[in-house]
Amino acid sequence: MRDFYWRSHRLVDRLMIAEGVSWARTRVLAEIDRRGPLRSTDIATGFGLAPRTVTEAIDGLERDGLARRDPDPLDRRAKRISLTEAGQAAAAASEASRIRYIQAVFGVLDPDECAEMVRLFDKLNERLEALTVETA
């Protein structure tokens, strides 16, 4: 499972870079695209990252003209991050690459195999949830 994860991660990163945005940047762009303008703390919490890591990512997106910071109307100390037109285009292009990647990798499985894989991952996710509750 580890080998599959690392190989797939490297492949999807190469595909995303070919579209002009790395996998890490694509994740941030997609999150903002999906949820609308967000504070960097919301992004950090959603991804389980340190706020500084997200700030650096947003700095890069802003520097490349893909995102912008606007005042938060509810908190004058905060900024909301939104996508520029170029950022929206990059998010759309990366979504198409993501779909092609999923089809190329998982298209080798027949419907029964896909259903079995979903069932097994659901079972593992339920176990992880139980362990999370037990250790909280």
Protein backbone atom coordinates (compact mmCIF):
# COMPACT_ATOMS: atom_id res chain seq x y z
CA MET A 1 0.00 0.00 0.00
CA ARG A 2 2.90 2.33 0.81
CA ASP A 3 4.48 1.69 -2.61
CA PHE A 4 1.18 2.42 -4.36
CA TYR A 5 0.77 5.63 -2.37
CA TRP A 6 4.26 6.96 -3.14
CA ARG A 7 4.18 5.96 -6.82
CA SER A 8 0.76 7.50 -7.30
CA HIS A 9 1.77 10.64 -5.41
CA ARG A 10 4.85 11.12 -7.59
CA LEU A 11 2.88 10.45 -10.79
CA VAL A 12 0.07 12.84 -9.95
CA ASP A 13 2.59 15.50 -8.97
CA ARG A 14 4.33 15.15 -12.35
CA LEU A 15 0.96 15.41 -14.13
CA MET A 16 0.01 18.51 -12.15
CA ILE A 17 3.38 20.17 -12.77
CA ALA A 18 2.85 19.55 -16.50
CA GLU A 19 -0.35 21.62 -16.10
CA GLY A 20 1.69 24.35 -14.41
CA VAL A 21 0.84 23.73 -10.76
CA SER A 22 2.26 21.15 -8.32
CA TRP A 23 0.02 18.71 -6.45
CA ALA A 24 0.45 20.66 -3.21
CA ARG A 25 -0.55 23.92 -4.88
CA THR A 26 -3.38 22.17 -6.71
CA ARG A 27 -4.84 21.01 -3.40
CA VAL A 28 -4.92 24.57 -2.08
CA LEU A 29 -6.33 25.96 -5.34
CA ALA A 30 -9.03 23.27 -5.43
CA GLU A 31 -10.01 23.93 -1.81
CA ILE A 32 -10.41 27.65 -2.41
CA ASP A 33 -12.21 27.00 -5.70
CA ARG A 34 -14.60 24.57 -4.01
CA ARG A 35 -15.32 26.54 -0.83
CA GLY A 36 -14.89 30.14 -1.95
CA PRO A 37 -12.72 32.75 -0.25
CA LEU A 38 -11.08 31.31 2.88
CA ARG A 39 -8.81 32.48 5.64
CA SER A 40 -5.41 30.82 5.65
CA THR A 41 -6.19 29.41 9.11
CA ASP A 42 -9.23 27.64 7.63
CA ILE A 43 -7.04 26.09 4.95
CA ALA A 44 -4.40 25.05 7.50
CA THR A 45 -7.00 23.43 9.74
CA GLY A 46 -8.66 21.65 6.80
CA PHE A 47 -5.38 20.12 5.66
CA GLY A 48 -3.89 19.58 9.11
CA LEU A 49 -0.94 21.84 8.29
CA ALA A 50 0.92 24.47 10.25
CA PRO A 51 -0.41 27.97 9.52
CA ARG A 52 3.09 29.05 8.41
CA THR A 53 3.14 26.32 5.75
CA VAL A 54 -0.13 27.57 4.30
CA THR A 55 1.01 31.19 4.48
CA GLU A 56 4.09 30.28 2.40
CA ALA A 57 1.91 28.42 -0.12
CA ILE A 58 -0.46 31.38 -0.41
CA ASP A 59 2.52 33.72 -0.80
CA GLY A 60 3.64 31.64 -3.79
CA LEU A 61 0.16 31.51 -5.32
CA GLU A 62 -0.18 35.26 -4.88
CA ARG A 63 3.29 35.90 -6.34
CA ASP A 64 2.33 33.80 -9.40
CA GLY A 65 -0.95 35.67 -9.85
CA LEU A 66 -3.15 32.68 -8.95
CA ALA A 67 -4.60 33.98 -5.67
CA ARG A 68 -5.17 37.25 -3.88
CA ARG A 69 -5.73 38.35 -0.30
CA ASP A 70 -8.73 40.56 0.43
CA PRO A 71 -9.89 42.05 3.74
CA ASP A 72 -12.23 39.78 5.72
CA PRO A 73 -15.51 41.69 6.13
CA LEU A 74 -16.11 40.00 9.50
CA ASP A 75 -12.64 40.42 11.00
CA ARG A 76 -10.53 43.42 10.04
CA ARG A 77 -7.37 41.66 11.24
CA ALA A 78 -7.85 38.72 8.86
CA LYS A 79 -7.58 38.29 5.10
CA ARG A 80 -9.63 36.03 2.86
CA ILE A 81 -7.82 34.21 0.08
CA SER A 82 -9.61 33.96 -3.25
CA LEU A 83 -8.59 32.85 -6.72
CA THR A 84 -7.79 35.19 -9.56
CA GLU A 85 -8.98 34.35 -13.06
CA ALA A 86 -5.63 32.67 -13.67
CA GLY A 87 -6.07 30.69 -10.44
CA GLN A 88 -9.53 29.56 -11.50
CA ALA A 89 -8.12 28.45 -14.87
CA ALA A 90 -5.29 26.55 -13.13
CA ALA A 91 -7.79 24.86 -10.79
CA ALA A 92 -9.96 23.81 -13.76
CA ALA A 93 -6.96 22.48 -15.70
CA SER A 94 -5.70 20.53 -12.71
CA GLU A 95 -9.16 19.04 -12.12
CA ALA A 96 -9.13 17.68 -15.67
CA SER A 97 -5.68 16.17 -15.04
CA ARG A 98 -6.88 14.65 -11.78
CA ILE A 99 -9.82 12.99 -13.53
CA ARG A 100 -7.56 11.65 -16.30
CA TYR A 101 -5.19 10.29 -13.66
CA ILE A 102 -7.99 8.53 -11.76
CA GLN A 103 -9.34 7.02 -14.96
CA ALA A 104 -5.89 5.88 -16.09
CA VAL A 105 -5.03 4.23 -12.76
CA PHE A 106 -8.35 2.88 -11.56
CA GLY A 107 -9.75 2.18 -15.03
CA VAL A 108 -7.84 -1.12 -14.93
CA LEU A 109 -10.30 -2.37 -12.28
CA ASP A 110 -13.65 -3.84 -13.25
CA PRO A 111 -16.81 -2.64 -11.44
CA ASP A 112 -16.73 -5.54 -8.96
CA GLU A 113 -13.11 -4.83 -8.07
CA CYS A 114 -13.91 -1.13 -7.58
CA ALA A 115 -16.84 -2.00 -5.31
CA GLU A 116 -14.64 -4.37 -3.28
CA MET A 117 -11.92 -1.74 -2.94
CA VAL A 118 -14.46 0.84 -1.76
CA ARG A 119 -15.85 -1.68 0.74
CA LEU A 120 -12.38 -2.44 2.10
CA PHE A 121 -11.40 1.23 2.42
CA ASP A 122 -14.72 1.98 4.12
CA LYS A 123 -13.93 -0.77 6.62
CA LEU A 124 -10.43 0.60 7.21
CA ASN A 125 -11.75 4.15 7.59
CA GLU A 126 -14.30 2.98 10.16
CA ARG A 127 -11.49 1.31 12.09
CA LEU A 128 -9.36 4.46 11.96
CA GLU A 129 -12.32 6.47 13.23
CA ALA A 130 -12.80 4.04 16.12
CA LEU A 131 -9.10 4.19 16.99
CA THR A 132 -9.18 7.98 16.84
CA VAL A 133 -12.07 8.06 19.31
CA GLU A 134 -10.34 5.53 21.57
CA THR A 135 -7.14 7.56 21.74
CA ALA A 136 -8.80 10.97 22.15
